[in-house]
Amino acid sequence: MLFYSFEVIVTREHEFCDALSNRMSFRGFTALHYAVLIDDTHVVKALLEAGADPTIKTGAGYLPVDFAQHSPVMKDMLVKASTEVLSSYVTCVLYNLYFVVGSCSLYNLMLSGVAV
């Protein structure tokens, strides 16, 4: 894996994506956002497998998938990973509700395999 110095990243920001303007703020960007911007499918895949969260938004409110518009393979990877993260979050919330409230018919249906 290649590591870039901060100076290289700052001087090459304009090369990341044609869709970005000079007014773009890079506040809140994660490694996953940058991997998508440089269009590196292998790095995106490695980050997702290592547990990178594709649902984190930048300071301006952009998800990593928002920068993957020109790469259908990468976009599909990010959408699938986002769905898995959100699904596990919903399952966790329902699981916690089950134990707080004492019973949750929606959670019981999910456990029984019934499509909700």
N, C-alpha and C. Protein backbone atom coordinates (compact mmCIF):
# COMPACT_ATOMS: atom_id res chain seq x y z
N MET A 1 0.86 -1.18 0.00
CA MET A 1 0.00 0.00 0.00
C MET A 1 0.90 1.23 0.00
N LEU A 2 0.53 2.21 -0.78
CA LEU A 2 1.30 3.45 -0.86
C LEU A 2 0.81 4.45 0.17
N PHE A 3 1.74 5.16 0.76
CA PHE A 3 1.41 6.22 1.70
C PHE A 3 1.89 7.54 1.12
N TYR A 4 1.06 8.55 1.18
CA TYR A 4 1.41 9.85 0.63
C TYR A 4 1.65 10.84 1.76
N SER A 5 2.59 11.71 1.54
CA SER A 5 2.81 12.75 2.53
C SER A 5 1.70 13.79 2.42
N PHE A 6 1.54 14.58 3.47
CA PHE A 6 0.50 15.60 3.50
C PHE A 6 0.69 16.60 2.36
N GLU A 7 1.94 16.97 2.06
CA GLU A 7 2.20 17.95 1.00
C GLU A 7 1.71 17.44 -0.35
N VAL A 8 1.94 16.17 -0.62
CA VAL A 8 1.52 15.60 -1.91
C VAL A 8 0.00 15.64 -2.02
N ILE A 9 -0.70 15.29 -0.95
CA ILE A 9 -2.16 15.29 -0.97
C ILE A 9 -2.68 16.71 -1.19
N VAL A 10 -2.12 17.67 -0.49
CA VAL A 10 -2.59 19.05 -0.61
C VAL A 10 -2.33 19.59 -2.01
N THR A 11 -1.19 19.30 -2.58
CA THR A 11 -0.88 19.84 -3.91
C THR A 11 -1.61 19.11 -5.02
N ARG A 12 -2.13 17.93 -4.74
CA ARG A 12 -2.80 17.15 -5.79
C ARG A 12 -4.30 17.08 -5.62
N GLU A 13 -4.89 17.87 -4.71
CA GLU A 13 -6.33 17.81 -4.49
C GLU A 13 -7.10 18.03 -5.79
N HIS A 14 -6.61 18.92 -6.63
CA HIS A 14 -7.33 19.22 -7.88
C HIS A 14 -7.34 18.04 -8.84
N GLU A 15 -6.47 17.05 -8.62
CA GLU A 15 -6.42 15.90 -9.52
C GLU A 15 -7.38 14.78 -9.11
N PHE A 16 -7.99 14.88 -7.91
CA PHE A 16 -8.84 13.81 -7.43
C PHE A 16 -10.06 13.57 -8.29
N CYS A 17 -10.73 14.62 -8.66
CA CYS A 17 -12.02 14.44 -9.32
C CYS A 17 -12.37 15.68 -10.11
N ASP A 18 -12.82 15.48 -11.34
CA ASP A 18 -13.23 16.60 -12.18
C ASP A 18 -14.45 17.31 -11.62
N ALA A 19 -15.24 16.60 -10.83
CA ALA A 19 -16.49 17.18 -10.33
C ALA A 19 -16.25 18.17 -9.18
N LEU A 20 -15.06 18.18 -8.61
CA LEU A 20 -14.79 19.06 -7.48
C LEU A 20 -14.36 20.44 -7.94
N SER A 21 -14.81 21.44 -7.24
CA SER A 21 -14.41 22.81 -7.55
C SER A 21 -13.37 23.27 -6.54
N ASN A 22 -12.73 24.38 -6.81
CA ASN A 22 -11.75 24.93 -5.88
C ASN A 22 -12.38 25.36 -4.57
N ARG A 23 -13.68 25.57 -4.58
CA ARG A 23 -14.38 26.00 -3.37
C ARG A 23 -14.75 24.82 -2.47
N MET A 24 -14.46 23.60 -2.91
CA MET A 24 -14.82 22.40 -2.15
C MET A 24 -14.05 22.33 -0.85
N SER A 25 -14.75 22.06 0.23
CA SER A 25 -14.12 21.89 1.53
C SER A 25 -13.85 20.39 1.74
N PHE A 26 -12.68 20.06 2.21
CA PHE A 26 -12.34 18.66 2.46
C PHE A 26 -12.47 18.32 3.94
N ARG A 27 -13.17 19.16 4.68
CA ARG A 27 -13.38 18.94 6.11
C ARG A 27 -14.29 17.72 6.31
N GLY A 28 -13.87 16.84 7.19
CA GLY A 28 -14.67 15.66 7.51
C GLY A 28 -14.47 14.49 6.57
N PHE A 29 -13.57 14.59 5.61
CA PHE A 29 -13.32 13.48 4.69
C PHE A 29 -12.60 12.36 5.43
N THR A 30 -12.99 11.13 5.13
CA THR A 30 -12.33 9.95 5.70
C THR A 30 -11.42 9.35 4.63
N ALA A 31 -10.66 8.36 5.03
CA ALA A 31 -9.81 7.65 4.06
C ALA A 31 -10.66 7.06 2.94
N LEU A 32 -11.86 6.64 3.28
CA LEU A 32 -12.76 6.07 2.27
C LEU A 32 -13.17 7.11 1.24
N HIS A 33 -13.47 8.33 1.70
CA HIS A 33 -13.81 9.40 0.76
C HIS A 33 -12.65 9.64 -0.22
N TYR A 34 -11.44 9.71 0.31
CA TYR A 34 -10.28 9.97 -0.54
C TYR A 34 -10.02 8.81 -1.51
N ALA A 35 -10.20 7.58 -1.05
CA ALA A 35 -10.01 6.43 -1.94
C ALA A 35 -11.00 6.46 -3.09
N VAL A 36 -12.23 6.87 -2.82
CA VAL A 36 -13.23 6.98 -3.88
C VAL A 36 -12.85 8.11 -4.83
N LEU A 37 -12.39 9.21 -4.28
CA LEU A 37 -12.01 10.36 -5.12
C LEU A 37 -10.87 10.03 -6.09
N ILE A 38 -9.93 9.21 -5.65
CA ILE A 38 -8.84 8.86 -6.56
C ILE A 38 -9.19 7.65 -7.41
N ASP A 39 -10.43 7.16 -7.25
CA ASP A 39 -10.97 6.09 -8.08
C ASP A 39 -10.15 4.80 -7.98
N ASP A 40 -9.78 4.43 -6.75
CA ASP A 40 -8.99 3.23 -6.53
C ASP A 40 -9.87 2.15 -5.89
N THR A 41 -10.39 1.27 -6.72
CA THR A 41 -11.32 0.22 -6.28
C THR A 41 -10.67 -0.71 -5.26
N HIS A 42 -9.39 -1.02 -5.45
CA HIS A 42 -8.71 -1.93 -4.52
C HIS A 42 -8.61 -1.34 -3.12
N VAL A 43 -8.30 -0.06 -3.03
CA VAL A 43 -8.20 0.59 -1.73
C VAL A 43 -9.58 0.69 -1.08
N VAL A 44 -10.60 1.04 -1.87
CA VAL A 44 -11.97 1.12 -1.35
C VAL A 44 -12.39 -0.24 -0.79
N LYS A 45 -12.13 -1.30 -1.54
CA LYS A 45 -12.47 -2.65 -1.09
C LYS A 45 -11.74 -3.00 0.20
N ALA A 46 -10.44 -2.68 0.26
CA ALA A 46 -9.66 -2.98 1.47
C ALA A 46 -10.19 -2.20 2.68
N LEU A 47 -10.53 -0.94 2.47
CA LEU A 47 -11.05 -0.13 3.57
C LEU A 47 -12.39 -0.67 4.06
N LEU A 48 -13.27 -1.05 3.13
CA LEU A 48 -14.57 -1.59 3.52
C LEU A 48 -14.40 -2.91 4.27
N GLU A 49 -13.49 -3.76 3.80
CA GLU A 49 -13.26 -5.04 4.48
C GLU A 49 -12.66 -4.83 5.86
N ALA A 50 -11.93 -3.73 6.04
CA ALA A 50 -11.33 -3.42 7.34
C ALA A 50 -12.30 -2.72 8.28
N GLY A 51 -13.52 -2.44 7.79
CA GLY A 51 -14.54 -1.86 8.66
C GLY A 51 -14.80 -0.38 8.47
N ALA A 52 -14.31 0.21 7.39
CA ALA A 52 -14.60 1.63 7.14
C ALA A 52 -16.11 1.82 6.99
N ASP A 53 -16.62 2.89 7.55
CA ASP A 53 -18.05 3.17 7.55
C ASP A 53 -18.42 4.02 6.33
N PRO A 54 -19.16 3.44 5.37
CA PRO A 54 -19.53 4.18 4.17
C PRO A 54 -20.71 5.14 4.37
N THR A 55 -21.21 5.21 5.61
CA THR A 55 -22.35 6.10 5.87
C THR A 55 -21.92 7.41 6.53
N ILE A 56 -20.61 7.62 6.68
CA ILE A 56 -20.11 8.85 7.28
C ILE A 56 -20.13 9.95 6.21
N LYS A 57 -20.70 11.09 6.58
CA LYS A 57 -20.78 12.23 5.66
C LYS A 57 -19.63 13.21 5.92
N THR A 58 -19.23 13.92 4.87
CA THR A 58 -18.22 14.96 5.02
C THR A 58 -18.85 16.16 5.72
N GLY A 59 -18.05 17.18 5.97
CA GLY A 59 -18.57 18.40 6.58
C GLY A 59 -19.65 19.05 5.73
N ALA A 60 -19.58 18.82 4.42
CA ALA A 60 -20.56 19.39 3.50
C ALA A 60 -21.74 18.45 3.26
N GLY A 61 -21.73 17.26 3.90
CA GLY A 61 -22.86 16.34 3.79
C GLY A 61 -22.78 15.32 2.69
N TYR A 62 -21.58 15.05 2.16
CA TYR A 62 -21.43 14.07 1.08
C TYR A 62 -21.00 12.72 1.62
N LEU A 63 -21.63 11.67 1.11
CA LEU A 63 -21.23 10.30 1.40
C LEU A 63 -20.16 9.88 0.39
N PRO A 64 -19.36 8.86 0.70
CA PRO A 64 -18.38 8.39 -0.29
C PRO A 64 -19.03 8.03 -1.63
N VAL A 65 -20.21 7.44 -1.59
CA VAL A 65 -20.88 7.04 -2.82
C VAL A 65 -21.21 8.24 -3.72
N ASP A 66 -21.33 9.41 -3.14
CA ASP A 66 -21.62 10.61 -3.92
C ASP A 66 -20.48 10.95 -4.88
N PHE A 67 -19.28 10.47 -4.58
CA PHE A 67 -18.12 10.74 -5.44
C PHE A 67 -17.82 9.58 -6.37
N ALA A 68 -18.65 8.55 -6.37
CA ALA A 68 -18.41 7.36 -7.19
C ALA A 68 -19.33 7.30 -8.40
N GLN A 69 -19.78 8.42 -8.86
CA GLN A 69 -20.77 8.45 -9.93
C GLN A 69 -20.23 7.94 -11.27
N HIS A 70 -18.91 7.98 -11.47
CA HIS A 70 -18.34 7.55 -12.76
C HIS A 70 -17.82 6.12 -12.72
N SER A 71 -18.00 5.43 -11.60
CA SER A 71 -17.52 4.07 -11.46
C SER A 71 -18.64 3.18 -10.92
N PRO A 72 -19.38 2.51 -11.82
CA PRO A 72 -20.50 1.66 -11.37
C PRO A 72 -20.08 0.55 -10.41
N VAL A 73 -18.90 -0.02 -10.60
CA VAL A 73 -18.44 -1.11 -9.72
C VAL A 73 -18.23 -0.58 -8.31
N MET A 74 -17.56 0.58 -8.21
CA MET A 74 -17.31 1.16 -6.90
C MET A 74 -18.62 1.61 -6.25
N LYS A 75 -19.50 2.18 -7.05
CA LYS A 75 -20.79 2.64 -6.53
C LYS A 75 -21.57 1.46 -5.96
N ASP A 76 -21.60 0.35 -6.67
CA ASP A 76 -22.30 -0.85 -6.19
C ASP A 76 -21.69 -1.37 -4.88
N MET A 77 -20.34 -1.36 -4.80
CA MET A 77 -19.66 -1.79 -3.58
C MET A 77 -20.08 -0.93 -2.39
N LEU A 78 -20.11 0.38 -2.60
CA LEU A 78 -20.43 1.32 -1.52
C LEU A 78 -21.90 1.23 -1.11
N VAL A 79 -22.79 1.06 -2.09
CA VAL A 79 -24.22 0.93 -1.78
C VAL A 79 -24.46 -0.34 -0.98
N LYS A 80 -23.82 -1.44 -1.39
CA LYS A 80 -23.98 -2.71 -0.67
C LYS A 80 -23.45 -2.57 0.76
N ALA A 81 -22.27 -1.98 0.91
CA ALA A 81 -21.68 -1.81 2.24
C ALA A 81 -22.55 -0.89 3.11
N SER A 82 -23.09 0.17 2.52
CA SER A 82 -23.96 1.09 3.26
C SER A 82 -25.21 0.38 3.74
N THR A 83 -25.79 -0.44 2.87
CA THR A 83 -26.99 -1.20 3.22
C THR A 83 -26.71 -2.14 4.38
N GLU A 84 -25.54 -2.80 4.35
CA GLU A 84 -25.18 -3.71 5.43
C GLU A 84 -25.01 -2.96 6.75
N VAL A 85 -24.37 -1.79 6.70
CA VAL A 85 -24.16 -1.00 7.92
C VAL A 85 -25.51 -0.56 8.49
N LEU A 86 -26.38 -0.03 7.62
CA LEU A 86 -27.68 0.45 8.08
C LEU A 86 -28.55 -0.69 8.58
N SER A 87 -28.48 -1.84 7.92
CA SER A 87 -29.25 -3.01 8.34
C SER A 87 -28.80 -3.48 9.72
N SER A 88 -27.49 -3.51 9.95
CA SER A 88 -27.01 -3.95 11.26
C SER A 88 -27.38 -2.93 12.33
N TYR A 89 -27.41 -1.65 11.96
CA TYR A 89 -27.81 -0.61 12.92
C TYR A 89 -29.27 -0.80 13.31
N VAL A 90 -30.14 -1.02 12.33
CA VAL A 90 -31.57 -1.20 12.60
C VAL A 90 -31.78 -2.45 13.45
N THR A 91 -31.08 -3.53 13.14
CA THR A 91 -31.19 -4.77 13.91
C THR A 91 -30.76 -4.53 15.35
N CYS A 92 -29.68 -3.76 15.53
CA CYS A 92 -29.19 -3.45 16.87
C CYS A 92 -30.21 -2.63 17.65
N VAL A 93 -30.81 -1.64 17.00
CA VAL A 93 -31.83 -0.81 17.66
C VAL A 93 -33.03 -1.67 18.06
N LEU A 94 -33.50 -2.52 17.16
CA LEU A 94 -34.63 -3.39 17.47
C LEU A 94 -34.28 -4.38 18.59
N TYR A 95 -33.07 -4.89 18.56
CA TYR A 95 -32.61 -5.81 19.61
C TYR A 95 -32.64 -5.10 20.97
N ASN A 96 -32.13 -3.86 21.01
CA ASN A 96 -32.14 -3.10 22.26
C ASN A 96 -33.56 -2.78 22.71
N LEU A 97 -34.43 -2.46 21.77
CA LEU A 97 -35.83 -2.20 22.11
C LEU A 97 -36.48 -3.44 22.72
N TYR A 98 -36.15 -4.58 22.17
CA TYR A 98 -36.71 -5.83 22.66
C TYR A 98 -36.43 -6.01 24.14
N PHE A 99 -35.20 -5.72 24.55
CA PHE A 99 -34.84 -5.93 25.96
C PHE A 99 -35.27 -4.78 26.85
N VAL A 100 -35.42 -3.58 26.30
CA VAL A 100 -35.88 -2.45 27.11
C VAL A 100 -37.38 -2.53 27.33
N VAL A 101 -38.11 -2.78 26.26
CA VAL A 101 -39.57 -2.80 26.33
C VAL A 101 -40.08 -4.15 26.84
N GLY A 102 -39.35 -5.21 26.55
CA GLY A 102 -39.77 -6.53 27.00
C GLY A 102 -40.28 -7.39 25.87
N SER A 103 -40.83 -6.75 24.86
CA SER A 103 -41.24 -7.51 23.68
C SER A 103 -41.35 -6.54 22.50
N CYS A 104 -41.02 -7.03 21.39
CA CYS A 104 -41.10 -6.21 20.18
C CYS A 104 -41.53 -7.13 19.04
N SER A 105 -42.76 -6.98 18.60
CA SER A 105 -43.28 -7.90 17.59
C SER A 105 -42.49 -7.82 16.29
N LEU A 106 -42.00 -6.62 15.93
CA LEU A 106 -41.22 -6.49 14.71
C LEU A 106 -39.91 -7.27 14.84
N TYR A 107 -39.26 -7.16 15.98
CA TYR A 107 -38.01 -7.89 16.21
C TYR A 107 -38.27 -9.39 16.21
N ASN A 108 -39.36 -9.83 16.83
CA ASN A 108 -39.70 -11.26 16.83
C ASN A 108 -39.95 -11.76 15.42
N LEU A 109 -40.61 -10.95 14.60
CA LEU A 109 -40.83 -11.34 13.20
C LEU A 109 -39.52 -11.49 12.46
N MET A 110 -38.60 -10.56 12.70
CA MET A 110 -37.29 -10.64 12.05
C MET A 110 -36.56 -11.90 12.45
N LEU A 111 -36.62 -12.25 13.74
CA LEU A 111 -35.96 -13.45 14.21
C LEU A 111 -36.57 -14.71 13.60
N SER A 112 -37.87 -14.67 13.37
CA SER A 112 -38.53 -15.86 12.82
C SER A 112 -38.34 -15.99 11.32
N GLY A 113 -37.73 -14.96 10.69
CA GLY A 113 -37.44 -15.06 9.26
C GLY A 113 -38.55 -14.51 8.39
N VAL A 114 -39.59 -13.93 8.98
CA VAL A 114 -40.69 -13.36 8.20
C VAL A 114 -40.21 -12.05 7.57
N ALA A 115 -40.48 -11.86 6.31
CA ALA A 115 -40.11 -10.61 5.64
C ALA A 115 -40.90 -9.46 6.24
N VAL A 116 -40.19 -8.41 6.60
CA VAL A 116 -40.84 -7.26 7.23
C VAL A 116 -40.97 -6.15 6.22
